[in-house]
């Protein structure tokens, strides 16, 4: 049985196969899900900050620009 994160990743892959436009943030989120074994909790606790250039985008949004807006 697929969890909700695996379903999200599979939907992303289907969209790519159908040549639909996908946002860069959705692509990054999908990458992070697959990297962390499809666990949202593990993405939240990810320690890849210095080693992963996608770290700040792992939630599907730019956390840096959010902090600036507040």
C-alpha atoms as a PDB file:
ATOM      1  CA  UNK A   1       0.000   0.000   0.000  1.00  0.00           C
ATOM      2  CA  UNK A   2       1.408   3.385  -0.991  1.00  0.00           C
ATOM      3  CA  UNK A   3       1.543   6.178   1.543  1.00  0.00           C
ATOM      4  CA  UNK A   4       0.506   9.723   0.620  1.00  0.00           C
ATOM      5  CA  UNK A   5       4.087  10.743  -0.115  1.00  0.00           C
ATOM      6  CA  UNK A   6       4.615   7.870  -2.543  1.00  0.00           C
ATOM      7  CA  UNK A   7       1.357   8.816  -4.271  1.00  0.00           C
ATOM      8  CA  UNK A   8       2.575  12.429  -4.587  1.00  0.00           C
ATOM      9  CA  UNK A   9       5.844  11.227  -6.105  1.00  0.00           C
ATOM     10  CA  UNK A  10       4.062   8.854  -8.506  1.00  0.00           C
ATOM     11  CA  UNK A  11       1.712  11.625  -9.664  1.00  0.00           C
ATOM     12  CA  UNK A  12       4.740  13.825 -10.344  1.00  0.00           C
ATOM     13  CA  UNK A  13       6.360  11.043 -12.395  1.00  0.00           C
ATOM     14  CA  UNK A  14       3.149  10.523 -14.387  1.00  0.00           C
ATOM     15  CA  UNK A  15       2.994  14.245 -15.186  1.00  0.00           C
ATOM     16  CA  UNK A  16       6.594  14.184 -16.390  1.00  0.00           C
ATOM     17  CA  UNK A  17       5.932  11.157 -18.598  1.00  0.00           C
ATOM     18  CA  UNK A  18       2.925  12.942 -20.144  1.00  0.00           C
ATOM     19  CA  UNK A  19       5.143  15.983 -20.872  1.00  0.00           C
ATOM     20  CA  UNK A  20       3.059  18.185 -18.572  1.00  0.00           C
ATOM     21  CA  UNK A  21       4.693  21.230 -17.101  1.00  0.00           C
ATOM     22  CA  UNK A  22       5.730  20.747 -13.502  1.00  0.00           C
ATOM     23  CA  UNK A  23       7.072  23.449 -11.249  1.00  0.00           C
ATOM     24  CA  UNK A  24      10.686  23.281 -10.126  1.00  0.00           C
ATOM     25  CA  UNK A  25       9.528  23.237  -6.503  1.00  0.00           C
ATOM     26  CA  UNK A  26       7.371  20.165  -7.140  1.00  0.00           C
ATOM     27  CA  UNK A  27      10.344  18.460  -8.767  1.00  0.00           C
ATOM     28  CA  UNK A  28      12.526  19.261  -5.763  1.00  0.00           C
ATOM     29  CA  UNK A  29       9.843  18.044  -3.338  1.00  0.00           C
ATOM     30  CA  UNK A  30       9.562  14.804  -5.284  1.00  0.00           C
ATOM     31  CA  UNK A  31      13.346  14.371  -5.243  1.00  0.00           C
ATOM     32  CA  UNK A  32      13.471  14.922  -1.473  1.00  0.00           C
ATOM     33  CA  UNK A  33      10.659  12.440  -0.908  1.00  0.00           C
ATOM     34  CA  UNK A  34      12.498   9.755  -2.841  1.00  0.00           C
ATOM     35  CA  UNK A  35      15.805  10.613  -1.130  1.00  0.00           C
ATOM     36  CA  UNK A  36      14.299  10.287   2.355  1.00  0.00           C
ATOM     37  CA  UNK A  37      12.341   7.089   1.718  1.00  0.00           C
ATOM     38  CA  UNK A  38       8.952   8.789   1.221  1.00  0.00           C
ATOM     39  CA  UNK A  39       8.768   9.957   4.822  1.00  0.00           C
ATOM     40  CA  UNK A  40       7.569  13.500   5.494  1.00  0.00           C
ATOM     41  CA  UNK A  41       8.977  13.326   9.026  1.00  0.00           C
ATOM     42  CA  UNK A  42      12.413  12.447   7.711  1.00  0.00           C
ATOM     43  CA  UNK A  43      12.311  15.406   5.311  1.00  0.00           C
ATOM     44  CA  UNK A  44      11.508  17.691   8.232  1.00  0.00           C
ATOM     45  CA  UNK A  45      14.454  16.252  10.189  1.00  0.00           C
ATOM     46  CA  UNK A  46      16.841  16.240   7.221  1.00  0.00           C
ATOM     47  CA  UNK A  47      20.389  17.201   8.158  1.00  0.00           C
ATOM     48  CA  UNK A  48      21.641  17.744   4.606  1.00  0.00           C
ATOM     49  CA  UNK A  49      21.862  21.541   4.933  1.00  0.00           C
ATOM     50  CA  UNK A  50      25.497  22.002   3.933  1.00  0.00           C
ATOM     51  CA  UNK A  51      25.691  19.025   1.568  1.00  0.00           C
ATOM     52  CA  UNK A  52      22.476  19.439  -0.409  1.00  0.00           C
ATOM     53  CA  UNK A  53      21.877  22.510  -2.595  1.00  0.00           C
ATOM     54  CA  UNK A  54      18.123  21.725  -2.568  1.00  0.00           C
ATOM     55  CA  UNK A  55      17.862  21.717   1.235  1.00  0.00           C
ATOM     56  CA  UNK A  56      16.074  25.062   1.593  1.00  0.00           C
ATOM     57  CA  UNK A  57      13.430  23.972  -0.938  1.00  0.00           C
ATOM     58  CA  UNK A  58      12.699  20.530   0.567  1.00  0.00           C
ATOM     59  CA  UNK A  59       9.160  21.413   1.679  1.00  0.00           C
ATOM     60  CA  UNK A  60       8.153  22.453  -1.831  1.00  0.00           C
ATOM     61  CA  UNK A  61       8.697  26.137  -1.151  1.00  0.00           C
ATOM     62  CA  UNK A  62      11.593  28.537  -0.697  1.00  0.00           C
ATOM     63  CA  UNK A  63      12.026  28.800   3.059  1.00  0.00           C
ATOM     64  CA  UNK A  64      14.549  31.619   2.689  1.00  0.00           C
ATOM     65  CA  UNK A  65      12.101  33.961   0.943  1.00  0.00           C
ATOM     66  CA  UNK A  66       9.374  33.090   3.472  1.00  0.00           C
ATOM     67  CA  UNK A  67      11.562  34.206   6.341  1.00  0.00           C
ATOM     68  CA  UNK A  68      12.242  37.514   4.590  1.00  0.00           C
ATOM     69  CA  UNK A  69       8.524  38.230   4.108  1.00  0.00           C
ATOM     70  CA  UNK A  70       7.675  37.881   7.787  1.00  0.00           C
END
